[in-house]
């Protein structure tokens, strides 16, 4: 039987834009133009959502980065504030990382944010990247980061091995009812091996 599946699309070229919700368009424009330094390049206004037809009047703001990709924000009339996270992890694991060229540039961002009165964490050396973290007016966690290991995206085989180890440790904890004990033990052994081989 001939294979009639359509050809796989080309590899995606990068991020076109990301979309977030804001409760205050003016505050968002002020922050991203005056603090982050992005150009406010486009606004889309409609009385319904084109993809679903829902009758939510909105304003859609776009801010452009140096590579041409954009950050986008929606403000919709009557949209209530988001519900609080059920765990602190959601507040720091979920984030948007923005690319800087060098460690010195990340350090300059630290000085800039300090001068603007914006609280931040870092810079932190993660081994493969060097980063600092802060929040925008919409409580979206932002990261300014630069790559410090040019080979960090060339470990696909090891990433698959690590995924298998992670899933196996989770299964052991689930079966034994031990919370995250097996996961933590696996992380400790993985970290020890990681340091021994010089990654």
C-alpha atoms as a PDB file:
ATOM      1  CA  UNK A   1       0.000   0.000   0.000  1.00  0.00           C
ATOM      2  CA  UNK A   2       1.527   3.322  -1.060  1.00  0.00           C
ATOM      3  CA  UNK A   3       2.282   5.913   1.575  1.00  0.00           C
ATOM      4  CA  UNK A   4      -0.280   8.681   1.061  1.00  0.00           C
ATOM      5  CA  UNK A   5       0.711  10.815   4.046  1.00  0.00           C
ATOM      6  CA  UNK A   6       1.454  14.424   3.088  1.00  0.00           C
ATOM      7  CA  UNK A   7       5.079  15.536   3.291  1.00  0.00           C
ATOM      8  CA  UNK A   8       6.242  16.931   6.610  1.00  0.00           C
ATOM      9  CA  UNK A   9       6.274  20.736   6.642  1.00  0.00           C
ATOM     10  CA  UNK A  10       9.625  22.522   6.673  1.00  0.00           C
ATOM     11  CA  UNK A  11      11.283  23.089  10.042  1.00  0.00           C
ATOM     12  CA  UNK A  12       9.755  26.154  11.665  1.00  0.00           C
ATOM     13  CA  UNK A  13      11.957  29.214  11.231  1.00  0.00           C
ATOM     14  CA  UNK A  14      11.537  30.571  14.743  1.00  0.00           C
ATOM     15  CA  UNK A  15       9.037  32.429  16.866  1.00  0.00           C
ATOM     16  CA  UNK A  16       6.694  34.765  15.002  1.00  0.00           C
ATOM     17  CA  UNK A  17       5.019  36.084  18.138  1.00  0.00           C
ATOM     18  CA  UNK A  18       3.831  35.014  21.558  1.00  0.00           C
ATOM     19  CA  UNK A  19       0.461  36.072  22.902  1.00  0.00           C
ATOM     20  CA  UNK A  20      -0.335  37.035  26.501  1.00  0.00           C
ATOM     21  CA  UNK A  21      -3.171  38.787  28.330  1.00  0.00           C
ATOM     22  CA  UNK A  22      -2.828  42.217  29.909  1.00  0.00           C
ATOM     23  CA  UNK A  23      -5.223  44.074  32.172  1.00  0.00           C
ATOM     24  CA  UNK A  24      -3.636  47.439  31.318  1.00  0.00           C
ATOM     25  CA  UNK A  25      -2.523  48.249  27.773  1.00  0.00           C
ATOM     26  CA  UNK A  26      -0.940  51.588  28.668  1.00  0.00           C
ATOM     27  CA  UNK A  27       1.153  50.107  31.492  1.00  0.00           C
ATOM     28  CA  UNK A  28       2.262  47.304  29.168  1.00  0.00           C
ATOM     29  CA  UNK A  29       3.262  49.737  26.419  1.00  0.00           C
ATOM     30  CA  UNK A  30       5.147  51.893  28.925  1.00  0.00           C
ATOM     31  CA  UNK A  31       7.050  48.908  30.360  1.00  0.00           C
ATOM     32  CA  UNK A  32       8.025  47.268  27.074  1.00  0.00           C
ATOM     33  CA  UNK A  33       9.037  50.508  25.358  1.00  0.00           C
ATOM     34  CA  UNK A  34      10.663  52.386  28.255  1.00  0.00           C
ATOM     35  CA  UNK A  35      12.143  49.543  30.347  1.00  0.00           C
ATOM     36  CA  UNK A  36      12.646  46.673  27.889  1.00  0.00           C
ATOM     37  CA  UNK A  37      13.318  49.012  24.954  1.00  0.00           C
ATOM     38  CA  UNK A  38      11.188  47.321  22.301  1.00  0.00           C
ATOM     39  CA  UNK A  39       9.409  49.175  19.502  1.00  0.00           C
ATOM     40  CA  UNK A  40       5.608  49.249  19.717  1.00  0.00           C
ATOM     41  CA  UNK A  41       4.931  48.391  16.085  1.00  0.00           C
ATOM     42  CA  UNK A  42       1.287  47.411  15.637  1.00  0.00           C
ATOM     43  CA  UNK A  43      -2.128  47.348  17.266  1.00  0.00           C
ATOM     44  CA  UNK A  44      -5.074  45.226  16.109  1.00  0.00           C
ATOM     45  CA  UNK A  45      -8.577  46.088  17.351  1.00  0.00           C
ATOM     46  CA  UNK A  46     -11.743  44.026  16.891  1.00  0.00           C
ATOM     47  CA  UNK A  47     -15.093  43.375  18.557  1.00  0.00           C
ATOM     48  CA  UNK A  48     -14.832  39.570  18.319  1.00  0.00           C
ATOM     49  CA  UNK A  49     -12.148  36.886  18.273  1.00  0.00           C
ATOM     50  CA  UNK A  50     -11.514  35.939  14.610  1.00  0.00           C
ATOM     51  CA  UNK A  51     -10.480  32.332  15.319  1.00  0.00           C
ATOM     52  CA  UNK A  52     -13.518  31.469  17.484  1.00  0.00           C
ATOM     53  CA  UNK A  53     -16.114  34.179  16.839  1.00  0.00           C
ATOM     54  CA  UNK A  54     -16.436  34.915  20.563  1.00  0.00           C
ATOM     55  CA  UNK A  55     -17.825  38.442  21.097  1.00  0.00           C
ATOM     56  CA  UNK A  56     -14.947  39.805  23.198  1.00  0.00           C
ATOM     57  CA  UNK A  57     -13.851  43.307  22.172  1.00  0.00           C
ATOM     58  CA  UNK A  58     -10.076  43.502  22.377  1.00  0.00           C
ATOM     59  CA  UNK A  59      -6.914  45.417  21.612  1.00  0.00           C
ATOM     60  CA  UNK A  60      -3.886  43.407  20.472  1.00  0.00           C
ATOM     61  CA  UNK A  61      -0.473  45.056  21.026  1.00  0.00           C
ATOM     62  CA  UNK A  62       2.741  44.014  19.260  1.00  0.00           C
ATOM     63  CA  UNK A  63       6.332  44.805  20.302  1.00  0.00           C
ATOM     64  CA  UNK A  64       9.205  43.939  17.941  1.00  0.00           C
ATOM     65  CA  UNK A  65      12.585  42.481  18.885  1.00  0.00           C
ATOM     66  CA  UNK A  66      15.845  42.761  16.949  1.00  0.00           C
ATOM     67  CA  UNK A  67      15.281  39.494  15.017  1.00  0.00           C
ATOM     68  CA  UNK A  68      11.856  40.647  13.771  1.00  0.00           C
ATOM     69  CA  UNK A  69       9.820  38.419  16.098  1.00  0.00           C
ATOM     70  CA  UNK A  70       7.251  40.083  18.315  1.00  0.00           C
ATOM     71  CA  UNK A  71       5.694  39.899  21.768  1.00  0.00           C
ATOM     72  CA  UNK A  72       1.929  40.375  21.721  1.00  0.00           C
ATOM     73  CA  UNK A  73      -0.611  41.260  24.400  1.00  0.00           C
ATOM     74  CA  UNK A  74      -4.409  41.252  24.435  1.00  0.00           C
ATOM     75  CA  UNK A  75      -6.574  43.493  26.567  1.00  0.00           C
ATOM     76  CA  UNK A  76     -10.246  42.542  26.465  1.00  0.00           C
ATOM     77  CA  UNK A  77     -13.014  44.516  28.130  1.00  0.00           C
ATOM     78  CA  UNK A  78     -14.614  42.661  31.029  1.00  0.00           C
ATOM     79  CA  UNK A  79     -11.946  39.948  31.245  1.00  0.00           C
ATOM     80  CA  UNK A  80     -11.393  39.224  34.953  1.00  0.00           C
ATOM     81  CA  UNK A  81      -7.904  38.978  36.438  1.00  0.00           C
ATOM     82  CA  UNK A  82      -6.374  35.500  36.113  1.00  0.00           C
ATOM     83  CA  UNK A  83      -6.870  33.002  38.924  1.00  0.00           C
ATOM     84  CA  UNK A  84      -3.975  32.533  41.344  1.00  0.00           C
ATOM     85  CA  UNK A  85      -1.604  29.662  40.660  1.00  0.00           C
ATOM     86  CA  UNK A  86      -2.217  26.433  42.546  1.00  0.00           C
ATOM     87  CA  UNK A  87       1.520  26.037  43.219  1.00  0.00           C
ATOM     88  CA  UNK A  88       4.475  28.503  43.299  1.00  0.00           C
ATOM     89  CA  UNK A  89       6.220  26.455  40.598  1.00  0.00           C
ATOM     90  CA  UNK A  90       3.772  27.749  37.989  1.00  0.00           C
ATOM     91  CA  UNK A  91       4.929  31.299  38.752  1.00  0.00           C
ATOM     92  CA  UNK A  92       8.624  30.689  38.072  1.00  0.00           C
ATOM     93  CA  UNK A  93       8.733  27.703  35.704  1.00  0.00           C
ATOM     94  CA  UNK A  94       6.464  29.452  33.194  1.00  0.00           C
ATOM     95  CA  UNK A  95       8.509  32.267  31.655  1.00  0.00           C
ATOM     96  CA  UNK A  96       9.662  33.945  28.462  1.00  0.00           C
ATOM     97  CA  UNK A  97      13.427  33.977  27.796  1.00  0.00           C
ATOM     98  CA  UNK A  98      14.802  36.840  25.693  1.00  0.00           C
ATOM     99  CA  UNK A  99      18.172  36.496  23.996  1.00  0.00           C
ATOM    100  CA  UNK A 100      21.143  38.753  24.757  1.00  0.00           C
ATOM    101  CA  UNK A 101      24.463  38.479  22.922  1.00  0.00           C
ATOM    102  CA  UNK A 102      26.993  38.222  25.756  1.00  0.00           C
ATOM    103  CA  UNK A 103      27.421  37.898  29.512  1.00  0.00           C
ATOM    104  CA  UNK A 104      28.429  41.565  29.585  1.00  0.00           C
ATOM    105  CA  UNK A 105      25.124  42.449  27.935  1.00  0.00           C
ATOM    106  CA  UNK A 106      23.211  40.509  30.600  1.00  0.00           C
ATOM    107  CA  UNK A 107      25.197  42.388  33.244  1.00  0.00           C
ATOM    108  CA  UNK A 108      24.259  45.672  31.557  1.00  0.00           C
ATOM    109  CA  UNK A 109      20.605  44.587  31.784  1.00  0.00           C
ATOM    110  CA  UNK A 110      21.064  44.086  35.525  1.00  0.00           C
ATOM    111  CA  UNK A 111      22.383  47.626  35.878  1.00  0.00           C
ATOM    112  CA  UNK A 112      19.581  48.987  33.680  1.00  0.00           C
ATOM    113  CA  UNK A 113      16.818  47.228  35.623  1.00  0.00           C
ATOM    114  CA  UNK A 114      18.331  48.401  38.904  1.00  0.00           C
ATOM    115  CA  UNK A 115      18.335  51.994  37.612  1.00  0.00           C
ATOM    116  CA  UNK A 116      14.686  51.593  36.534  1.00  0.00           C
ATOM    117  CA  UNK A 117      13.708  50.337  39.979  1.00  0.00           C
ATOM    118  CA  UNK A 118      12.720  46.891  38.654  1.00  0.00           C
ATOM    119  CA  UNK A 119      13.326  43.968  41.019  1.00  0.00           C
ATOM    120  CA  UNK A 120      15.226  41.053  39.499  1.00  0.00           C
ATOM    121  CA  UNK A 121      17.042  37.839  40.381  1.00  0.00           C
ATOM    122  CA  UNK A 122      20.535  37.126  39.072  1.00  0.00           C
ATOM    123  CA  UNK A 123      22.538  37.090  37.001  1.00  0.00           C
ATOM    124  CA  UNK A 124      22.838  33.310  37.453  1.00  0.00           C
ATOM    125  CA  UNK A 125      25.314  31.086  35.626  1.00  0.00           C
ATOM    126  CA  UNK A 126      23.460  27.902  34.609  1.00  0.00           C
ATOM    127  CA  UNK A 127      26.483  26.392  32.846  1.00  0.00           C
ATOM    128  CA  UNK A 128      24.909  26.553  29.375  1.00  0.00           C
ATOM    129  CA  UNK A 129      23.295  29.981  29.749  1.00  0.00           C
ATOM    130  CA  UNK A 130      23.756  33.120  31.889  1.00  0.00           C
ATOM    131  CA  UNK A 131      20.479  34.713  32.973  1.00  0.00           C
ATOM    132  CA  UNK A 132      18.551  37.179  35.063  1.00  0.00           C
ATOM    133  CA  UNK A 133      14.823  37.163  35.837  1.00  0.00           C
ATOM    134  CA  UNK A 134      12.133  39.775  36.472  1.00  0.00           C
ATOM    135  CA  UNK A 135       8.384  40.306  36.096  1.00  0.00           C
ATOM    136  CA  UNK A 136       6.448  42.595  33.771  1.00  0.00           C
ATOM    137  CA  UNK A 137       3.314  44.522  34.896  1.00  0.00           C
ATOM    138  CA  UNK A 138       1.180  41.498  33.941  1.00  0.00           C
ATOM    139  CA  UNK A 139       3.162  39.197  36.277  1.00  0.00           C
ATOM    140  CA  UNK A 140       4.753  37.391  33.331  1.00  0.00           C
ATOM    141  CA  UNK A 141       8.206  36.179  34.299  1.00  0.00           C
ATOM    142  CA  UNK A 142      10.858  37.377  31.846  1.00  0.00           C
ATOM    143  CA  UNK A 143      14.402  36.091  31.479  1.00  0.00           C
ATOM    144  CA  UNK A 144      17.260  37.908  29.765  1.00  0.00           C
ATOM    145  CA  UNK A 145      19.837  35.281  28.855  1.00  0.00           C
ATOM    146  CA  UNK A 146      22.883  34.566  26.731  1.00  0.00           C
ATOM    147  CA  UNK A 147      24.298  31.223  25.605  1.00  0.00           C
ATOM    148  CA  UNK A 148      27.599  30.268  27.255  1.00  0.00           C
ATOM    149  CA  UNK A 149      27.903  26.768  25.729  1.00  0.00           C
ATOM    150  CA  UNK A 150      27.570  26.805  21.945  1.00  0.00           C
ATOM    151  CA  UNK A 151      27.057  23.039  21.924  1.00  0.00           C
ATOM    152  CA  UNK A 152      24.116  22.997  24.322  1.00  0.00           C
ATOM    153  CA  UNK A 153      21.588  22.105  21.598  1.00  0.00           C
ATOM    154  CA  UNK A 154      23.615  19.134  20.333  1.00  0.00           C
ATOM    155  CA  UNK A 155      22.758  16.645  23.080  1.00  0.00           C
ATOM    156  CA  UNK A 156      19.592  15.083  21.663  1.00  0.00           C
ATOM    157  CA  UNK A 157      20.646  11.483  22.364  1.00  0.00           C
ATOM    158  CA  UNK A 158      21.466  12.290  25.986  1.00  0.00           C
ATOM    159  CA  UNK A 159      18.204  14.204  26.309  1.00  0.00           C
ATOM    160  CA  UNK A 160      16.272  11.055  25.287  1.00  0.00           C
ATOM    161  CA  UNK A 161      18.263   9.016  27.816  1.00  0.00           C
ATOM    162  CA  UNK A 162      17.506  11.570  30.523  1.00  0.00           C
ATOM    163  CA  UNK A 163      13.804  11.512  29.651  1.00  0.00           C
ATOM    164  CA  UNK A 164      13.741   7.732  30.065  1.00  0.00           C
ATOM    165  CA  UNK A 165      15.507   8.032  33.451  1.00  0.00           C
ATOM    166  CA  UNK A 166      13.092  10.731  34.615  1.00  0.00           C
ATOM    167  CA  UNK A 167      10.021   8.713  33.609  1.00  0.00           C
ATOM    168  CA  UNK A 168      11.386   5.562  35.270  1.00  0.00           C
ATOM    169  CA  UNK A 169      12.087   7.437  38.527  1.00  0.00           C
ATOM    170  CA  UNK A 170       8.590   8.928  38.484  1.00  0.00           C
ATOM    171  CA  UNK A 171       7.140   5.438  38.017  1.00  0.00           C
ATOM    172  CA  UNK A 172       9.141   4.096  40.980  1.00  0.00           C
ATOM    173  CA  UNK A 173       7.854   6.892  43.203  1.00  0.00           C
ATOM    174  CA  UNK A 174       4.308   6.383  41.998  1.00  0.00           C
ATOM    175  CA  UNK A 175       4.410   2.641  42.669  1.00  0.00           C
ATOM    176  CA  UNK A 176       6.063   3.024  46.099  1.00  0.00           C
ATOM    177  CA  UNK A 177       4.113   6.092  47.180  1.00  0.00           C
ATOM    178  CA  UNK A 178       7.377   7.881  47.992  1.00  0.00           C
ATOM    179  CA  UNK A 179       6.539  11.349  46.691  1.00  0.00           C
ATOM    180  CA  UNK A 180       9.644  12.469  44.793  1.00  0.00           C
ATOM    181  CA  UNK A 181      12.297  10.422  46.606  1.00  0.00           C
ATOM    182  CA  UNK A 182      13.297   8.293  43.595  1.00  0.00           C
ATOM    183  CA  UNK A 183      13.276  11.361  41.358  1.00  0.00           C
ATOM    184  CA  UNK A 184      15.579  13.233  43.731  1.00  0.00           C
ATOM    185  CA  UNK A 185      17.914  10.244  44.006  1.00  0.00           C
ATOM    186  CA  UNK A 186      18.020   9.938  40.219  1.00  0.00           C
ATOM    187  CA  UNK A 187      18.746  13.685  39.866  1.00  0.00           C
ATOM    188  CA  UNK A 188      21.602  13.399  42.386  1.00  0.00           C
ATOM    189  CA  UNK A 189      23.145  10.440  40.539  1.00  0.00           C
ATOM    190  CA  UNK A 190      22.647  12.147  37.172  1.00  0.00           C
ATOM    191  CA  UNK A 191      24.260  15.356  38.430  1.00  0.00           C
ATOM    192  CA  UNK A 192      27.235  13.404  39.806  1.00  0.00           C
ATOM    193  CA  UNK A 193      27.732  11.658  36.450  1.00  0.00           C
ATOM    194  CA  UNK A 194      27.266  14.956  34.631  1.00  0.00           C
ATOM    195  CA  UNK A 195      30.120  16.555  36.581  1.00  0.00           C
ATOM    196  CA  UNK A 196      32.386  13.509  36.224  1.00  0.00           C
ATOM    197  CA  UNK A 197      32.207  13.533  32.428  1.00  0.00           C
ATOM    198  CA  UNK A 198      32.685  17.292  32.270  1.00  0.00           C
ATOM    199  CA  UNK A 199      29.383  18.395  30.768  1.00  0.00           C
END
